[in-house]
Amino acid sequence: MAPEHILEEMYTTKSDIWSLGCILYEMATLRSPFFGEKENISSLMQKIRDAEYPPLPDRCCYTDQLELLVQLCLQPVYKERPSAVDVHRMATKMAGQLGRWWW
C-alpha cells in the first residue's frame, strides 16, 4: 500500500511506481522493504509513510543506478516519484550498460 493510500489521498499512476519500487527491492534483497520482526500494522504503516527501509545490500551486486531507481520509486511523496516514462528511460540505460550477454 503506497503512502498516499495510508494517508487516504488520491490513487495515481505514481502509486504504481511505488509498487514497482517495492518489487525491485524485493527482487534485489529477497525480502520486503518494510518487513520487520514482530511487525504490527501501525508500525508497518509508519515505516511506509516515512520510507524507512534498509539500503540494498553489498554494492558489488547492484549498480548505483538500480539503487537510485529504487530510492526514487519509494519516495513517500508521490509527486517526487519518477513517471513511467522516466522509469523506462532509466531501465533502458541500465540494460544498455549490461551488454548483450550479461549473465
PDB file of N, CA and C in Angstrom:
ATOM      1  N   MET A   1       0.845  -1.169   0.000  1.00  0.00           N
ATOM      2  CA  MET A   1       0.000   0.000   0.000  1.00  0.00           C
ATOM      3  C   MET A   1       0.894   1.237   0.000  1.00  0.00           C
ATOM      4  N   ALA A   2       0.731   2.062  -0.999  1.00  0.00           N
ATOM      5  CA  ALA A   2       1.529   3.276  -1.127  1.00  0.00           C
ATOM      6  C   ALA A   2       1.211   4.253   0.008  1.00  0.00           C
ATOM      7  N   PRO A   3       2.187   5.095   0.368  1.00  0.00           N
ATOM      8  CA  PRO A   3       1.977   6.038   1.473  1.00  0.00           C
ATOM      9  C   PRO A   3       0.736   6.907   1.308  1.00  0.00           C
ATOM     10  N   GLU A   4       0.437   7.307   0.089  1.00  0.00           N
ATOM     11  CA  GLU A   4      -0.731   8.174  -0.109  1.00  0.00           C
ATOM     12  C   GLU A   4      -2.033   7.460   0.208  1.00  0.00           C
ATOM     13  N   HIS A   5      -2.053   6.148   0.089  1.00  0.00           N
ATOM     14  CA  HIS A   5      -3.261   5.394   0.452  1.00  0.00           C
ATOM     15  C   HIS A   5      -3.426   5.352   1.966  1.00  0.00           C
ATOM     16  N   ILE A   6      -2.319   5.227   2.658  1.00  0.00           N
ATOM     17  CA  ILE A   6      -2.368   5.242   4.123  1.00  0.00           C
ATOM     18  C   ILE A   6      -2.913   6.584   4.604  1.00  0.00           C
ATOM     19  N   LEU A   7      -2.514   7.644   3.911  1.00  0.00           N
ATOM     20  CA  LEU A   7      -2.960   8.991   4.269  1.00  0.00           C
ATOM     21  C   LEU A   7      -4.317   9.327   3.658  1.00  0.00           C
ATOM     22  N   GLU A   8      -4.940   8.333   3.013  1.00  0.00           N
ATOM     23  CA  GLU A   8      -6.259   8.479   2.397  1.00  0.00           C
ATOM     24  C   GLU A   8      -6.283   9.570   1.334  1.00  0.00           C
ATOM     25  N   GLU A   9      -5.185   9.639   0.579  1.00  0.00           N
ATOM     26  CA  GLU A   9      -5.119  10.566  -0.543  1.00  0.00           C
ATOM     27  C   GLU A   9      -5.465   9.825  -1.827  1.00  0.00           C
ATOM     28  N   MET A  10      -5.500  10.553  -2.916  1.00  0.00           N
ATOM     29  CA  MET A  10      -5.910  10.011  -4.201  1.00  0.00           C
ATOM     30  C   MET A  10      -4.908   8.996  -4.758  1.00  0.00           C
ATOM     31  N   TYR A  11      -5.432   7.963  -5.394  1.00  0.00           N
ATOM     32  CA  TYR A  11      -4.615   6.986  -6.103  1.00  0.00           C
ATOM     33  C   TYR A  11      -4.217   7.580  -7.447  1.00  0.00           C
ATOM     34  N   THR A  12      -2.930   7.478  -7.797  1.00  0.00           N
ATOM     35  CA  THR A  12      -2.454   7.950  -9.098  1.00  0.00           C
ATOM     36  C   THR A  12      -1.539   6.889  -9.699  1.00  0.00           C
ATOM     37  N   THR A  13      -1.077   7.143 -10.902  1.00  0.00           N
ATOM     38  CA  THR A  13      -0.113   6.223 -11.511  1.00  0.00           C
ATOM     39  C   THR A  13       1.187   6.188 -10.716  1.00  0.00           C
ATOM     40  N   LYS A  14       1.458   7.223  -9.944  1.00  0.00           N
ATOM     41  CA  LYS A  14       2.655   7.240  -9.100  1.00  0.00           C
ATOM     42  C   LYS A  14       2.555   6.201  -7.984  1.00  0.00           C
ATOM     43  N   SER A  15       1.341   5.786  -7.652  1.00  0.00           N
ATOM     44  CA  SER A  15       1.166   4.697  -6.683  1.00  0.00           C
ATOM     45  C   SER A  15       1.706   3.395  -7.273  1.00  0.00           C
ATOM     46  N   ASP A  16       1.503   3.208  -8.571  1.00  0.00           N
ATOM     47  CA  ASP A  16       2.046   2.032  -9.248  1.00  0.00           C
ATOM     48  C   ASP A  16       3.569   2.082  -9.295  1.00  0.00           C
ATOM     49  N   ILE A  17       4.124   3.265  -9.443  1.00  0.00           N
ATOM     50  CA  ILE A  17       5.582   3.423  -9.437  1.00  0.00           C
ATOM     51  C   ILE A  17       6.126   3.025  -8.068  1.00  0.00           C
ATOM     52  N   TRP A  18       5.425   3.401  -7.007  1.00  0.00           N
ATOM     53  CA  TRP A  18       5.836   2.996  -5.657  1.00  0.00           C
ATOM     54  C   TRP A  18       5.821   1.467  -5.547  1.00  0.00           C
ATOM     55  N   SER A  19       4.780   0.842  -6.069  1.00  0.00           N
ATOM     56  CA  SER A  19       4.697  -0.621  -6.038  1.00  0.00           C
ATOM     57  C   SER A  19       5.843  -1.249  -6.822  1.00  0.00           C
ATOM     58  N   LEU A  20       6.204  -0.653  -7.952  1.00  0.00           N
ATOM     59  CA  LEU A  20       7.346  -1.140  -8.722  1.00  0.00           C
ATOM     60  C   LEU A  20       8.623  -1.053  -7.892  1.00  0.00           C
ATOM     61  N   GLY A  21       8.783   0.037  -7.148  1.00  0.00           N
ATOM     62  CA  GLY A  21       9.948   0.166  -6.268  1.00  0.00           C
ATOM     63  C   GLY A  21      10.007  -0.958  -5.249  1.00  0.00           C
ATOM     64  N   CYS A  22       8.856  -1.311  -4.698  1.00  0.00           N
ATOM     65  CA  CYS A  22       8.798  -2.434  -3.746  1.00  0.00           C
ATOM     66  C   CYS A  22       9.208  -3.741  -4.418  1.00  0.00           C
ATOM     67  N   ILE A  23       8.719  -3.965  -5.627  1.00  0.00           N
ATOM     68  CA  ILE A  23       9.044  -5.196  -6.353  1.00  0.00           C
ATOM     69  C   ILE A  23      10.534  -5.253  -6.679  1.00  0.00           C
ATOM     70  N   LEU A  24      11.103  -4.146  -7.157  1.00  0.00           N
ATOM     71  CA  LEU A  24      12.536  -4.118  -7.455  1.00  0.00           C
ATOM     72  C   LEU A  24      13.358  -4.388  -6.201  1.00  0.00           C
ATOM     73  N   TYR A  25      12.953  -3.783  -5.091  1.00  0.00           N
ATOM     74  CA  TYR A  25      13.651  -4.001  -3.826  1.00  0.00           C
ATOM     75  C   TYR A  25      13.580  -5.477  -3.432  1.00  0.00           C
ATOM     76  N   GLU A  26      12.395  -6.059  -3.524  1.00  0.00           N
ATOM     77  CA  GLU A  26      12.223  -7.471  -3.152  1.00  0.00           C
ATOM     78  C   GLU A  26      13.015  -8.391  -4.063  1.00  0.00           C
ATOM     79  N   MET A  27      13.094  -8.071  -5.345  1.00  0.00           N
ATOM     80  CA  MET A  27      13.887  -8.890  -6.264  1.00  0.00           C
ATOM     81  C   MET A  27      15.371  -8.822  -5.915  1.00  0.00           C
ATOM     82  N   ALA A  28      15.830  -7.660  -5.479  1.00  0.00           N
ATOM     83  CA  ALA A  28      17.244  -7.481  -5.157  1.00  0.00           C
ATOM     84  C   ALA A  28      17.622  -8.066  -3.802  1.00  0.00           C
ATOM     85  N   THR A  29      16.691  -8.059  -2.859  1.00  0.00           N
ATOM     86  CA  THR A  29      17.026  -8.453  -1.486  1.00  0.00           C
ATOM     87  C   THR A  29      16.352  -9.736  -1.023  1.00  0.00           C
ATOM     88  N   LEU A  30      15.342 -10.170  -1.752  1.00  0.00           N
ATOM     89  CA  LEU A  30      14.528 -11.337  -1.388  1.00  0.00           C
ATOM     90  C   LEU A  30      13.725 -11.113  -0.112  1.00  0.00           C
ATOM     91  N   ARG A  31      13.430  -9.863   0.171  1.00  0.00           N
ATOM     92  CA  ARG A  31      12.539  -9.538   1.297  1.00  0.00           C
ATOM     93  C   ARG A  31      11.855  -8.197   1.045  1.00  0.00           C
ATOM     94  N   SER A  32      10.772  -8.005   1.728  1.00  0.00           N
ATOM     95  CA  SER A  32      10.011  -6.767   1.592  1.00  0.00           C
ATOM     96  C   SER A  32      10.816  -5.594   2.153  1.00  0.00           C
ATOM     97  N   PRO A  33      10.720  -4.418   1.527  1.00  0.00           N
ATOM     98  CA  PRO A  33      11.460  -3.273   2.059  1.00  0.00           C
ATOM     99  C   PRO A  33      11.002  -2.849   3.449  1.00  0.00           C
ATOM    100  N   PHE A  34       9.790  -3.177   3.805  1.00  0.00           N
ATOM    101  CA  PHE A  34       9.249  -2.700   5.072  1.00  0.00           C
ATOM    102  C   PHE A  34       8.999  -3.820   6.069  1.00  0.00           C
ATOM    103  N   PHE A  35       9.590  -4.974   5.833  1.00  0.00           N
ATOM    104  CA  PHE A  35       9.432  -6.123   6.714  1.00  0.00           C
ATOM    105  C   PHE A  35      10.155  -5.880   8.033  1.00  0.00           C
ATOM    106  N   GLY A  36       9.570  -6.370   9.096  1.00  0.00           N
ATOM    107  CA  GLY A  36      10.215  -6.295  10.400  1.00  0.00           C
ATOM    108  C   GLY A  36       9.749  -7.421  11.285  1.00  0.00           C
ATOM    109  N   GLU A  37      10.585  -7.824  12.189  1.00  0.00           N
ATOM    110  CA  GLU A  37      10.207  -8.864  13.147  1.00  0.00           C
ATOM    111  C   GLU A  37       9.102  -8.332  14.055  1.00  0.00           C
ATOM    112  N   LYS A  38       8.137  -9.184  14.329  1.00  0.00           N
ATOM    113  CA  LYS A  38       7.027  -8.832  15.224  1.00  0.00           C
ATOM    114  C   LYS A  38       6.366  -7.520  14.810  1.00  0.00           C
ATOM    115  N   GLU A  39       6.198  -7.354  13.520  1.00  0.00           N
ATOM    116  CA  GLU A  39       5.621  -6.132  12.960  1.00  0.00           C
ATOM    117  C   GLU A  39       4.125  -6.074  13.245  1.00  0.00           C
ATOM    118  N   ASN A  40       3.649  -4.907  13.640  1.00  0.00           N
ATOM    119  CA  ASN A  40       2.203  -4.717  13.724  1.00  0.00           C
ATOM    120  C   ASN A  40       1.804  -3.724  12.639  1.00  0.00           C
ATOM    121  N   ILE A  41       0.543  -3.654  12.347  1.00  0.00           N
ATOM    122  CA  ILE A  41       0.071  -2.845  11.220  1.00  0.00           C
ATOM    123  C   ILE A  41       0.392  -1.363  11.401  1.00  0.00           C
ATOM    124  N   SER A  42       0.329  -0.878  12.615  1.00  0.00           N
ATOM    125  CA  SER A  42       0.611   0.531  12.871  1.00  0.00           C
ATOM    126  C   SER A  42       2.076   0.867  12.579  1.00  0.00           C
ATOM    127  N   SER A  43       2.998   0.042  13.058  1.00  0.00           N
ATOM    128  CA  SER A  43       4.418   0.320  12.810  1.00  0.00           C
ATOM    129  C   SER A  43       4.769   0.107  11.340  1.00  0.00           C
ATOM    130  N   LEU A  44       4.115  -0.846  10.688  1.00  0.00           N
ATOM    131  CA  LEU A  44       4.332  -1.064   9.262  1.00  0.00           C
ATOM    132  C   LEU A  44       3.899   0.168   8.464  1.00  0.00           C
ATOM    133  N   MET A  45       2.736   0.708   8.770  1.00  0.00           N
ATOM    134  CA  MET A  45       2.260   1.899   8.067  1.00  0.00           C
ATOM    135  C   MET A  45       3.178   3.095   8.320  1.00  0.00           C
ATOM    136  N   GLN A  46       3.702   3.199   9.531  1.00  0.00           N
ATOM    137  CA  GLN A  46       4.628   4.288   9.840  1.00  0.00           C
ATOM    138  C   GLN A  46       5.906   4.162   9.009  1.00  0.00           C
ATOM    139  N   LYS A  47       6.442   2.947   8.893  1.00  0.00           N
ATOM    140  CA  LYS A  47       7.637   2.729   8.070  1.00  0.00           C
ATOM    141  C   LYS A  47       7.376   3.110   6.617  1.00  0.00           C
ATOM    142  N   ILE A  48       6.215   2.758   6.117  1.00  0.00           N
ATOM    143  CA  ILE A  48       5.869   3.084   4.733  1.00  0.00           C
ATOM    144  C   ILE A  48       5.761   4.595   4.560  1.00  0.00           C
ATOM    145  N   ARG A  49       5.070   5.265   5.460  1.00  0.00           N
ATOM    146  CA  ARG A  49       4.921   6.731   5.366  1.00  0.00           C
ATOM    147  C   ARG A  49       6.265   7.438   5.424  1.00  0.00           C
ATOM    148  N   ASP A  50       7.184   6.911   6.251  1.00  0.00           N
ATOM    149  CA  ASP A  50       8.485   7.552   6.442  1.00  0.00           C
ATOM    150  C   ASP A  50       9.564   7.020   5.503  1.00  0.00           C
ATOM    151  N   ALA A  51       9.210   6.064   4.664  1.00  0.00           N
ATOM    152  CA  ALA A  51      10.162   5.420   3.744  1.00  0.00           C
ATOM    153  C   ALA A  51      11.363   4.865   4.506  1.00  0.00           C
ATOM    154  N   GLU A  52      11.081   4.164   5.591  1.00  0.00           N
ATOM    155  CA  GLU A  52      12.133   3.542   6.409  1.00  0.00           C
ATOM    156  C   GLU A  52      12.354   2.115   5.938  1.00  0.00           C
ATOM    157  N   TYR A  53      13.426   1.910   5.201  1.00  0.00           N
ATOM    158  CA  TYR A  53      13.775   0.569   4.749  1.00  0.00           C
ATOM    159  C   TYR A  53      15.294   0.470   4.661  1.00  0.00           C
ATOM    160  N   PRO A  54      15.840  -0.728   4.853  1.00  0.00           N
ATOM    161  CA  PRO A  54      17.294  -0.887   4.779  1.00  0.00           C
ATOM    162  C   PRO A  54      17.791  -0.642   3.353  1.00  0.00           C
ATOM    163  N   PRO A  55      19.011  -0.152   3.210  1.00  0.00           N
ATOM    164  CA  PRO A  55      19.553   0.033   1.859  1.00  0.00           C
ATOM    165  C   PRO A  55      19.776  -1.320   1.187  1.00  0.00           C
ATOM    166  N   LEU A  56      19.930  -1.294  -0.124  1.00  0.00           N
ATOM    167  CA  LEU A  56      20.273  -2.529  -0.822  1.00  0.00           C
ATOM    168  C   LEU A  56      21.596  -3.049  -0.268  1.00  0.00           C
ATOM    169  N   PRO A  57      21.751  -4.360  -0.158  1.00  0.00           N
ATOM    170  CA  PRO A  57      22.983  -4.912   0.407  1.00  0.00           C
ATOM    171  C   PRO A  57      24.182  -4.713  -0.515  1.00  0.00           C
ATOM    172  N   ASP A  58      25.329  -5.090  -0.024  1.00  0.00           N
ATOM    173  CA  ASP A  58      26.625  -5.043  -0.706  1.00  0.00           C
ATOM    174  C   ASP A  58      26.565  -4.563  -2.152  1.00  0.00           C
ATOM    175  N   ARG A  59      27.209  -3.462  -2.402  1.00  0.00           N
ATOM    176  CA  ARG A  59      27.164  -2.821  -3.717  1.00  0.00           C
ATOM    177  C   ARG A  59      27.848  -3.616  -4.823  1.00  0.00           C
ATOM    178  N   CYS A  60      28.544  -4.688  -4.502  1.00  0.00           N
ATOM    179  CA  CYS A  60      29.209  -5.461  -5.561  1.00  0.00           C
ATOM    180  C   CYS A  60      28.188  -6.080  -6.509  1.00  0.00           C
ATOM    181  N   CYS A  61      26.982  -6.238  -6.060  1.00  0.00           N
ATOM    182  CA  CYS A  61      25.964  -6.924  -6.865  1.00  0.00           C
ATOM    183  C   CYS A  61      24.988  -5.975  -7.551  1.00  0.00           C
ATOM    184  N   TYR A  62      24.924  -4.733  -7.151  1.00  0.00           N
ATOM    185  CA  TYR A  62      23.926  -3.802  -7.676  1.00  0.00           C
ATOM    186  C   TYR A  62      24.595  -2.510  -8.115  1.00  0.00           C
ATOM    187  N   THR A  63      24.095  -1.957  -9.183  1.00  0.00           N
ATOM    188  CA  THR A  63      24.654  -0.702  -9.676  1.00  0.00           C
ATOM    189  C   THR A  63      24.090   0.474  -8.883  1.00  0.00           C
ATOM    190  N   ASP A  64      24.798   1.576  -8.964  1.00  0.00           N
ATOM    191  CA  ASP A  64      24.301   2.809  -8.349  1.00  0.00           C
ATOM    192  C   ASP A  64      22.975   3.223  -8.979  1.00  0.00           C
ATOM    193  N   GLN A  65      22.831   2.939 -10.286  1.00  0.00           N
ATOM    194  CA  GLN A  65      21.603   3.303 -10.987  1.00  0.00           C
ATOM    195  C   GLN A  65      20.402   2.531 -10.453  1.00  0.00           C
ATOM    196  N   LEU A  66      20.591   1.241 -10.151  1.00  0.00           N
ATOM    197  CA  LEU A  66      19.481   0.457  -9.594  1.00  0.00           C
ATOM    198  C   LEU A  66      19.115   0.983  -8.212  1.00  0.00           C
ATOM    199  N   GLU A  67      20.120   1.257  -7.413  1.00  0.00           N
ATOM    200  CA  GLU A  67      19.849   1.794  -6.076  1.00  0.00           C
ATOM    201  C   GLU A  67      19.093   3.118  -6.174  1.00  0.00           C
ATOM    202  N   LEU A  68      19.505   3.976  -7.098  1.00  0.00           N
ATOM    203  CA  LEU A  68      18.827   5.258  -7.288  1.00  0.00           C
ATOM    204  C   LEU A  68      17.386   5.051  -7.750  1.00  0.00           C
ATOM    205  N   LEU A  69      17.178   4.133  -8.681  1.00  0.00           N
ATOM    206  CA  LEU A  69      15.826   3.870  -9.173  1.00  0.00           C
ATOM    207  C   LEU A  69      14.914   3.411  -8.042  1.00  0.00           C
ATOM    208  N   VAL A  70      15.396   2.510  -7.207  1.00  0.00           N
ATOM    209  CA  VAL A  70      14.599   2.040  -6.064  1.00  0.00           C
ATOM    210  C   VAL A  70      14.284   3.209  -5.132  1.00  0.00           C
ATOM    211  N   GLN A  71      15.287   4.022  -4.825  1.00  0.00           N
ATOM    212  CA  GLN A  71      15.071   5.170  -3.936  1.00  0.00           C
ATOM    213  C   GLN A  71      14.036   6.134  -4.509  1.00  0.00           C
ATOM    214  N   LEU A  72      14.133   6.405  -5.800  1.00  0.00           N
ATOM    215  CA  LEU A  72      13.186   7.328  -6.430  1.00  0.00           C
ATOM    216  C   LEU A  72      11.773   6.768  -6.430  1.00  0.00           C
ATOM    217  N   CYS A  73      11.649   5.483  -6.731  1.00  0.00           N
ATOM    218  CA  CYS A  73      10.318   4.865  -6.768  1.00  0.00           C
ATOM    219  C   CYS A  73       9.676   4.810  -5.386  1.00  0.00           C
ATOM    220  N   LEU A  74      10.490   4.684  -4.343  1.00  0.00           N
ATOM    221  CA  LEU A  74       9.960   4.560  -2.981  1.00  0.00           C
ATOM    222  C   LEU A  74       9.871   5.899  -2.241  1.00  0.00           C
ATOM    223  N   GLN A  75       9.928   6.998  -2.980  1.00  0.00           N
ATOM    224  CA  GLN A  75       9.748   8.302  -2.341  1.00  0.00           C
ATOM    225  C   GLN A  75       8.378   8.346  -1.676  1.00  0.00           C
ATOM    226  N   PRO A  76       8.291   8.788  -0.425  1.00  0.00           N
ATOM    227  CA  PRO A  76       6.995   8.806   0.250  1.00  0.00           C
ATOM    228  C   PRO A  76       6.011   9.834  -0.322  1.00  0.00           C
ATOM    229  N   VAL A  77       6.515  10.890  -0.927  1.00  0.00           N
ATOM    230  CA  VAL A  77       5.655  11.913  -1.540  1.00  0.00           C
ATOM    231  C   VAL A  77       5.507  11.559  -3.020  1.00  0.00           C
ATOM    232  N   TYR A  78       4.304  11.238  -3.440  1.00  0.00           N
ATOM    233  CA  TYR A  78       4.109  10.710  -4.794  1.00  0.00           C
ATOM    234  C   TYR A  78       4.561  11.667  -5.891  1.00  0.00           C
ATOM    235  N   LYS A  79       4.481  12.954  -5.659  1.00  0.00           N
ATOM    236  CA  LYS A  79       4.893  13.928  -6.674  1.00  0.00           C
ATOM    237  C   LYS A  79       6.398  13.897  -6.922  1.00  0.00           C
ATOM    238  N   GLU A  80       7.154  13.330  -5.984  1.00  0.00           N
ATOM    239  CA  GLU A  80       8.609  13.246  -6.124  1.00  0.00           C
ATOM    240  C   GLU A  80       9.065  11.960  -6.817  1.00  0.00           C
ATOM    241  N   ARG A  81       8.140  11.055  -7.106  1.00  0.00           N
ATOM    242  CA  ARG A  81       8.486   9.805  -7.791  1.00  0.00           C
ATOM    243  C   ARG A  81       8.600  10.043  -9.292  1.00  0.00           C
ATOM    244  N   PRO A  82       9.407   9.222  -9.962  1.00  0.00           N
ATOM    245  CA  PRO A  82       9.518   9.373 -11.414  1.00  0.00           C
ATOM    246  C   PRO A  82       8.238   8.926 -12.116  1.00  0.00           C
ATOM    247  N   SER A  83       8.079   9.379 -13.336  1.00  0.00           N
ATOM    248  CA  SER A  83       6.954   8.919 -14.162  1.00  0.00           C
ATOM    249  C   SER A  83       7.315   7.558 -14.753  1.00  0.00           C
ATOM    250  N   ALA A  84       6.343   6.905 -15.352  1.00  0.00           N
ATOM    251  CA  ALA A  84       6.608   5.623 -16.016  1.00  0.00           C
ATOM    252  C   ALA A  84       7.606   5.817 -17.160  1.00  0.00           C
ATOM    253  N   VAL A  85       7.516   6.932 -17.848  1.00  0.00           N
ATOM    254  CA  VAL A  85       8.460   7.230 -18.933  1.00  0.00           C
ATOM    255  C   VAL A  85       9.872   7.372 -18.370  1.00  0.00           C
ATOM    256  N   ASP A  86      10.007   8.063 -17.244  1.00  0.00           N
ATOM    257  CA  ASP A  86      11.317   8.216 -16.605  1.00  0.00           C
ATOM    258  C   ASP A  86      11.882   6.863 -16.183  1.00  0.00           C
ATOM    259  N   VAL A  87      11.045   6.017 -15.610  1.00  0.00           N
ATOM    260  CA  VAL A  87      11.485   4.679 -15.191  1.00  0.00           C
ATOM    261  C   VAL A  87      11.948   3.887 -16.410  1.00  0.00           C
ATOM    262  N   HIS A  88      11.201   3.976 -17.496  1.00  0.00           N
ATOM    263  CA  HIS A  88      11.577   3.272 -18.726  1.00  0.00           C
ATOM    264  C   HIS A  88      12.935   3.752 -19.230  1.00  0.00           C
ATOM    265  N   ARG A  89      13.146   5.052 -19.228  1.00  0.00           N
ATOM    266  CA  ARG A  89      14.436   5.612 -19.671  1.00  0.00           C
ATOM    267  C   ARG A  89      15.579   5.098 -18.799  1.00  0.00           C
ATOM    268  N   MET A  90      15.377   5.116 -17.496  1.00  0.00           N
ATOM    269  CA  MET A  90      16.425   4.652 -16.578  1.00  0.00           C
ATOM    270  C   MET A  90      16.705   3.164 -16.785  1.00  0.00           C
ATOM    271  N   ALA A  91      15.656   2.377 -16.932  1.00  0.00           N
ATOM    272  CA  ALA A  91      15.823   0.931 -17.115  1.00  0.00           C
ATOM    273  C   ALA A  91      16.512   0.625 -18.439  1.00  0.00           C
ATOM    274  N   THR A  92      16.164   1.355 -19.488  1.00  0.00           N
ATOM    275  CA  THR A  92      16.793   1.157 -20.792  1.00  0.00           C
ATOM    276  C   THR A  92      18.277   1.487 -20.724  1.00  0.00           C
ATOM    277  N   LYS A  93      18.609   2.557 -20.032  1.00  0.00           N
ATOM    278  CA  LYS A  93      20.011   2.943 -19.873  1.00  0.00           C
ATOM    279  C   LYS A  93      20.776   1.868 -19.098  1.00  0.00           C
ATOM    280  N   MET A  94      20.182   1.359 -18.024  1.00  0.00           N
ATOM    281  CA  MET A  94      20.839   0.304 -17.241  1.00  0.00           C
ATOM    282  C   MET A  94      21.033  -0.954 -18.075  1.00  0.00           C
ATOM    283  N   ALA A  95      20.027  -1.324 -18.844  1.00  0.00           N
ATOM    284  CA  ALA A  95      20.119  -2.533 -19.674  1.00  0.00           C
ATOM    285  C   ALA A  95      21.225  -2.384 -20.713  1.00  0.00           C
ATOM    286  N   GLY A  96      21.345  -1.198 -21.285  1.00  0.00           N
ATOM    287  CA  GLY A  96      22.397  -0.949 -22.266  1.00  0.00           C
ATOM    288  C   GLY A  96      23.785  -1.068 -21.672  1.00  0.00           C
ATOM    289  N   GLN A  97      23.924  -0.736 -20.410  1.00  0.00           N
ATOM    290  CA  GLN A  97      25.223  -0.818 -19.741  1.00  0.00           C
ATOM    291  C   GLN A  97      25.607  -2.250 -19.391  1.00  0.00           C
ATOM    292  N   LEU A  98      24.621  -3.136 -19.337  1.00  0.00           N
ATOM    293  CA  LEU A  98      24.910  -4.532 -19.015  1.00  0.00           C
ATOM    294  C   LEU A  98      25.532  -5.268 -20.188  1.00  0.00           C
ATOM    295  N   GLY A  99      25.258  -4.821 -21.377  1.00  0.00           N
ATOM    296  CA  GLY A  99      25.732  -5.533 -22.549  1.00  0.00           C
ATOM    297  C   GLY A  99      24.742  -6.614 -22.938  1.00  0.00           C
ATOM    298  N   ARG A 100      24.990  -7.230 -24.063  1.00  0.00           N
ATOM    299  CA  ARG A 100      24.029  -8.198 -24.579  1.00  0.00           C
ATOM    300  C   ARG A 100      23.968  -9.467 -23.744  1.00  0.00           C
ATOM    301  N   TRP A 101      25.084 -10.012 -23.336  1.00  0.00           N
ATOM    302  CA  TRP A 101      25.107 -11.290 -22.614  1.00  0.00           C
ATOM    303  C   TRP A 101      25.630 -11.065 -21.206  1.00  0.00           C
ATOM    304  N   TRP A 102      24.876 -10.447 -20.377  1.00  0.00           N
ATOM    305  CA  TRP A 102      25.335 -10.102 -19.026  1.00  0.00           C
ATOM    306  C   TRP A 102      25.378 -11.285 -18.092  1.00  0.00           C
ATOM    307  N   TRP A 103      24.663 -12.349 -18.366  1.00  0.00           N
ATOM    308  CA  TRP A 103      24.687 -13.482 -17.454  1.00  0.00           C
ATOM    309  C   TRP A 103      25.744 -14.423 -17.903  1.00  0.00           C
TER     310      TRP A 103
END
